[in-house]
Amino acid sequence: MIHNTYPLKVEGSLEGAKLVTYIQEYSEQLAIENRPLVLICPGGGYARTSDREAESMALQFMAMGYHAAVVRYSCAPAKYPTALLELASAMALIRKNADEWHVDAERIVVQGCSAGGHLAASLGMFWDEDFVAEGIGLSKEEHEVLRPNGMILCYPVITSGEFAHRGSFENLLGDKEEELGEKMSLEKQVSEKTPKAFIWHTFEDGSVPVENSLFLVSALRKAGISTEFHMYPKGGHGLSLANYLTASADGGAMQEECTSWINLAHTWMEHAFN
């Protein structure tokens, strides 16, 4: 396994921002030559990046036959667009090394939980904007390398309106929340250039209400973007894999009814790019 750490440095980056790779070694003895890659953005309200939504998630995707990588992006006091530029930089690095790492460059999916879902979806919305390419030293003509081929969003922060997770937007935008809040309400930024999506949420989520996903699904539907959505009736926020592997230190964050999401995402991955 190519298990390496690559520092991520853009304007505003904090110490410790990095990309951690989980790349399965190529072997001529295996039929698989190039594998899809899942680029993981842990949640944490833009205050931190959760360990529960990082390596354990990566290893699950590896067990399904994919490469994985985790972005430990800069959080508060870092402000927008630092984390977005770090994620874009990670995407560019992966595509640059796609041949060497045997990554299928046409099947790179961004995955994120909670605020990490907001970050993953932000790349899905803004990958072709000039400030993103320029912010990581690419020309405007090179922005295509930043485009995710798909998004897996787990109980994502999306809207800055009535059902917003206020803490995430305060940490992300600081004193520019009033100025940038509308732009960062991602259900309003969907276009025909937005990648296809797999999204799940719970009806009972008391931290990031399910309306966040519902608004996004509605916008994706209106734009004609292929989307798979699952709403589970039970379960709180921050479930990750929803089983004992990612249970919180106090024994919480387990919900058996929700454990199926990772297999549903696997099925989606297998058919979304055919």
Protein backbone atom coordinates (compact mmCIF):
# COMPACT_ATOMS: atom_id res chain seq x y z
CA MET A 1 0.00 0.00 0.00
CA ILE A 2 1.19 3.51 -0.81
CA HIS A 3 0.43 5.06 2.56
CA ASN A 4 2.01 8.49 2.39
CA THR A 5 1.39 11.97 3.74
CA TYR A 6 1.57 15.05 1.51
CA PRO A 7 1.45 18.54 3.06
CA LEU A 8 -1.19 20.85 1.62
CA LYS A 9 -0.07 24.46 1.40
CA VAL A 10 -2.23 27.25 0.01
CA GLU A 11 -2.78 30.79 1.20
CA GLY A 12 -4.17 30.59 4.72
CA SER A 13 -3.26 26.93 5.35
CA LEU A 14 -2.60 25.96 8.94
CA GLU A 15 0.15 23.64 10.06
CA GLY A 16 -0.97 20.05 9.75
CA ALA A 17 -3.06 20.41 6.59
CA LYS A 18 -2.30 17.28 4.59
CA LEU A 19 -3.41 14.55 2.23
CA VAL A 20 -3.05 10.98 3.49
CA THR A 21 -3.13 8.29 0.80
CA TYR A 22 -4.31 4.68 0.98
CA ILE A 23 -3.32 3.46 -2.47
CA GLN A 24 -3.45 -0.27 -3.17
CA GLU A 25 -0.31 -1.61 -4.78
CA TYR A 26 -0.56 -2.57 -8.44
CA SER A 27 0.20 -6.18 -9.32
CA GLU A 28 0.45 -7.79 -12.73
CA GLN A 29 -1.09 -10.86 -11.13
CA LEU A 30 -4.39 -9.04 -10.64
CA ALA A 31 -6.95 -8.32 -13.32
CA ILE A 32 -7.58 -4.83 -11.94
CA GLU A 33 -5.21 -2.29 -13.44
CA ASN A 34 -6.70 1.05 -12.40
CA ARG A 35 -9.04 1.58 -9.46
CA PRO A 36 -11.51 4.35 -8.60
CA LEU A 37 -10.46 6.61 -5.74
CA VAL A 38 -12.58 8.05 -2.94
CA LEU A 39 -11.26 11.39 -1.64
CA ILE A 40 -12.52 11.73 1.92
CA CYS A 41 -13.34 14.96 3.79
CA PRO A 42 -14.05 14.23 7.48
CA GLY A 43 -16.61 16.35 9.27
CA GLY A 44 -16.24 18.45 12.40
CA GLY A 45 -18.16 21.68 11.89
CA TYR A 46 -15.15 23.35 10.22
CA ALA A 47 -13.65 23.39 13.72
CA ARG A 48 -11.71 20.13 13.36
CA THR A 49 -11.53 17.01 11.18
CA SER A 50 -13.06 13.99 12.88
CA ASP A 51 -10.97 10.84 13.30
CA ARG A 52 -14.21 8.83 13.26
CA GLU A 53 -14.87 9.90 9.66
CA ALA A 54 -11.34 9.51 8.32
CA GLU A 55 -9.15 6.39 8.30
CA SER A 56 -11.93 3.93 9.21
CA MET A 57 -13.89 5.23 6.24
CA ALA A 58 -10.86 4.95 3.99
CA LEU A 59 -10.26 1.34 4.97
CA GLN A 60 -13.89 0.44 4.25
CA PHE A 61 -13.60 1.85 0.74
CA MET A 62 -10.30 0.01 0.28
CA ALA A 63 -11.98 -3.25 1.26
CA MET A 64 -14.45 -2.60 -1.56
CA GLY A 65 -11.60 -2.46 -4.06
CA TYR A 66 -11.05 1.29 -4.27
CA HIS A 67 -8.14 3.54 -3.53
CA ALA A 68 -8.80 6.14 -0.85
CA ALA A 69 -7.27 9.36 0.45
CA VAL A 70 -8.14 11.57 3.41
CA VAL A 71 -7.87 15.37 3.38
CA ARG A 72 -7.03 16.85 6.77
CA TYR A 73 -8.00 20.39 5.78
CA SER A 74 -7.50 23.63 7.69
CA CYS A 75 -10.35 24.56 10.02
CA ALA A 76 -11.08 27.62 12.17
CA PRO A 77 -9.35 30.02 12.57
CA ALA A 78 -8.66 29.36 8.85
CA LYS A 79 -11.46 30.80 6.72
CA TYR A 80 -13.00 30.22 3.31
CA PRO A 81 -11.67 29.45 0.74
CA THR A 82 -8.64 27.83 2.41
CA ALA A 83 -10.16 24.37 2.93
CA LEU A 84 -11.65 24.38 -0.58
CA LEU A 85 -8.28 25.23 -2.12
CA GLU A 86 -6.61 22.49 -0.07
CA LEU A 87 -9.16 19.97 -1.34
CA ALA A 88 -8.62 21.21 -4.91
CA SER A 89 -4.87 20.87 -4.40
CA ALA A 90 -5.38 17.29 -3.22
CA MET A 91 -7.49 16.51 -6.29
CA ALA A 92 -4.83 17.97 -8.58
CA LEU A 93 -2.12 15.92 -6.85
CA ILE A 94 -4.11 12.71 -7.28
CA ARG A 95 -4.75 13.33 -10.97
CA LYS A 96 -1.08 14.23 -11.48
CA ASN A 97 -0.08 10.86 -10.03
CA ALA A 98 -2.98 8.87 -11.47
CA ASP A 99 -0.84 6.80 -13.84
CA GLU A 100 1.82 6.00 -11.26
CA TRP A 101 -0.74 5.13 -8.59
CA HIS A 102 -3.01 3.26 -11.02
CA VAL A 103 -5.97 5.52 -10.29
CA ASP A 104 -8.86 5.59 -12.74
CA ALA A 105 -8.83 9.35 -13.34
CA GLU A 106 -12.41 9.25 -14.64
CA ARG A 107 -13.73 7.76 -11.40
CA ILE A 108 -12.52 10.01 -8.59
CA VAL A 109 -15.30 10.68 -6.09
CA VAL A 110 -15.26 13.23 -3.27
CA GLN A 111 -16.86 11.98 -0.08
CA GLY A 112 -17.69 14.02 2.99
CA CYS A 113 -19.56 13.84 6.27
CA SER A 114 -21.39 16.82 7.81
CA ALA A 115 -19.20 19.93 7.28
CA GLY A 116 -16.89 17.68 5.27
CA GLY A 117 -19.91 17.05 3.06
CA HIS A 118 -20.21 20.80 2.59
CA LEU A 119 -16.55 20.94 1.59
CA ALA A 120 -16.87 17.99 -0.81
CA ALA A 121 -19.99 19.51 -2.36
CA SER A 122 -18.26 22.91 -2.60
CA LEU A 123 -15.66 21.38 -4.91
CA GLY A 124 -18.53 19.84 -6.86
CA MET A 125 -20.09 23.29 -7.31
CA PHE A 126 -17.01 25.51 -7.72
CA TRP A 127 -14.39 23.30 -9.44
CA ASP A 128 -14.53 25.36 -12.63
CA GLU A 129 -14.36 28.81 -11.04
CA ASP A 130 -11.19 30.71 -11.87
CA PHE A 131 -10.31 31.53 -8.27
CA VAL A 132 -9.99 27.81 -7.43
CA ALA A 133 -7.49 26.99 -10.18
CA GLU A 134 -5.57 30.21 -9.65
CA GLY A 135 -5.50 29.66 -5.89
CA ILE A 136 -3.47 26.47 -6.31
CA GLY A 137 -1.26 27.68 -9.13
CA LEU A 138 -3.10 26.24 -12.12
CA SER A 139 -4.08 28.12 -15.24
CA LYS A 140 -7.74 28.71 -16.03
CA GLU A 141 -7.45 26.15 -18.81
CA GLU A 142 -6.40 23.44 -16.33
CA HIS A 143 -9.48 23.57 -14.10
CA GLU A 144 -10.88 20.33 -15.57
CA VAL A 145 -8.39 18.34 -13.47
CA LEU A 146 -10.24 19.60 -10.38
CA ARG A 147 -13.64 18.21 -11.33
CA PRO A 148 -14.91 15.36 -9.15
CA ASN A 149 -16.57 12.58 -11.12
CA GLY A 150 -19.08 12.07 -8.33
CA MET A 151 -19.98 13.00 -4.75
CA ILE A 152 -20.86 10.84 -1.75
CA LEU A 153 -22.40 13.11 0.88
CA CYS A 154 -23.20 11.80 4.35
CA TYR A 155 -25.58 13.95 6.42
CA PRO A 156 -24.04 17.03 4.76
CA VAL A 157 -24.18 20.66 5.81
CA ILE A 158 -25.65 22.41 2.77
CA THR A 159 -27.93 25.37 3.43
CA SER A 160 -27.11 28.65 5.14
CA GLY A 161 -30.80 29.48 5.55
CA GLU A 162 -33.47 28.44 8.04
CA PHE A 163 -32.14 24.91 8.57
CA ALA A 164 -28.46 25.83 8.67
CA HIS A 165 -25.89 24.40 11.03
CA ARG A 166 -24.87 27.86 12.16
CA GLY A 167 -21.63 26.80 13.80
CA SER A 168 -20.24 25.44 10.54
CA PHE A 169 -20.87 28.68 8.68
CA GLU A 170 -19.51 30.80 11.53
CA ASN A 171 -16.30 28.77 11.54
CA LEU A 172 -16.02 28.77 7.75
CA LEU A 173 -16.86 32.39 7.01
CA GLY A 174 -16.18 34.36 10.21
CA ASP A 175 -17.06 38.02 9.77
CA LYS A 176 -17.84 37.41 6.08
CA GLU A 177 -20.89 35.25 6.83
CA GLU A 178 -23.31 37.96 5.72
CA GLU A 179 -21.30 38.63 2.55
CA LEU A 180 -20.72 35.00 1.52
CA GLY A 181 -23.58 33.14 3.17
CA GLU A 182 -25.71 33.09 0.03
CA LYS A 183 -22.85 31.79 -2.13
CA MET A 184 -22.05 29.04 0.35
CA SER A 185 -25.67 27.88 0.54
CA LEU A 186 -24.89 25.11 -1.89
CA GLU A 187 -28.40 24.16 -2.93
CA LYS A 188 -28.36 27.52 -4.75
CA GLN A 189 -25.13 26.74 -6.63
CA VAL A 190 -26.12 23.57 -8.50
CA SER A 191 -25.61 23.69 -12.27
CA GLU A 192 -25.31 21.32 -15.20
CA LYS A 193 -21.59 21.07 -14.31
CA THR A 194 -22.29 19.61 -10.87
CA PRO A 195 -21.26 15.93 -10.64
CA LYS A 196 -23.68 13.10 -9.90
CA ALA A 197 -24.33 12.34 -6.25
CA PHE A 198 -25.09 9.72 -3.63
CA ILE A 199 -26.55 11.30 -0.49
CA TRP A 200 -27.86 9.96 2.80
CA HIS A 201 -29.25 11.53 5.95
CA THR A 202 -31.44 10.63 8.91
CA PHE A 203 -34.91 11.95 9.66
CA GLU A 204 -33.97 12.42 13.32
CA ASP A 205 -30.74 14.39 12.79
CA GLY A 206 -30.96 17.14 15.38
CA SER A 207 -27.71 18.92 14.50
CA VAL A 208 -27.85 19.17 10.70
CA PRO A 209 -31.53 18.83 9.78
CA VAL A 210 -32.41 16.55 6.89
CA GLU A 211 -33.70 19.59 5.01
CA ASN A 212 -30.06 20.24 4.11
CA SER A 213 -30.04 17.11 1.95
CA LEU A 214 -33.63 17.54 0.78
CA PHE A 215 -32.91 21.03 -0.56
CA LEU A 216 -29.83 19.76 -2.38
CA VAL A 217 -31.61 16.73 -3.84
CA SER A 218 -34.39 19.00 -5.12
CA ALA A 219 -31.85 21.32 -6.76
CA LEU A 220 -29.98 18.40 -8.32
CA ARG A 221 -33.25 17.02 -9.64
CA LYS A 222 -34.18 20.37 -11.21
CA ALA A 223 -30.75 20.53 -12.88
CA GLY A 224 -31.06 16.98 -14.22
CA ILE A 225 -28.09 15.69 -12.19
CA SER A 226 -28.28 11.95 -11.50
CA THR A 227 -28.77 11.46 -7.76
CA GLU A 228 -29.39 8.61 -5.34
CA PHE A 229 -30.80 9.64 -1.95
CA HIS A 230 -31.58 7.66 1.20
CA MET A 231 -33.31 9.01 4.29
CA TYR A 232 -33.21 6.71 7.30
CA PRO A 233 -35.99 7.17 9.88
CA LYS A 234 -33.74 6.55 12.88
CA GLY A 235 -30.35 7.89 13.91
CA GLY A 236 -28.71 11.08 15.09
CA HIS A 237 -25.90 13.11 13.59
CA GLY A 238 -22.31 12.07 12.96
CA LEU A 239 -22.89 8.35 12.54
CA SER A 240 -19.98 7.68 10.17
CA LEU A 241 -20.22 3.92 9.44
CA ALA A 242 -22.93 3.72 12.12
CA ASN A 243 -21.40 0.57 13.65
CA TYR A 244 -18.93 -0.30 16.41
CA LEU A 245 -15.94 0.44 14.16
CA THR A 246 -16.66 4.16 14.31
CA ALA A 247 -18.58 4.35 17.59
CA SER A 248 -17.73 7.40 19.68
CA ALA A 249 -15.61 7.04 22.82
CA ASP A 250 -18.76 7.06 24.96
CA GLY A 251 -20.27 4.21 22.93
CA GLY A 252 -22.63 6.38 20.92
CA ALA A 253 -23.01 7.01 17.18
CA MET A 254 -24.18 3.48 16.39
CA GLN A 255 -27.42 2.89 14.50
CA GLU A 256 -27.90 -0.55 12.98
CA GLU A 257 -30.59 0.64 10.57
CA CYS A 258 -28.09 3.01 8.94
CA THR A 259 -25.18 0.62 8.44
CA SER A 260 -26.45 -0.27 4.98
CA TRP A 261 -25.43 3.08 3.53
CA ILE A 262 -21.83 2.03 2.77
CA ASN A 263 -22.98 -0.99 0.74
CA LEU A 264 -25.53 1.15 -1.09
CA ALA A 265 -22.75 3.61 -1.90
CA HIS A 266 -20.65 0.70 -3.17
CA THR A 267 -23.44 -0.36 -5.53
CA TRP A 268 -23.81 3.24 -6.68
CA MET A 269 -20.06 3.47 -7.34
CA GLU A 270 -20.10 0.26 -9.37
CA HIS A 271 -22.84 1.48 -11.70
CA ALA A 272 -22.59 5.29 -11.72
CA PHE A 273 -19.80 5.48 -14.28
CA ASN A 274 -20.76 2.68 -16.67
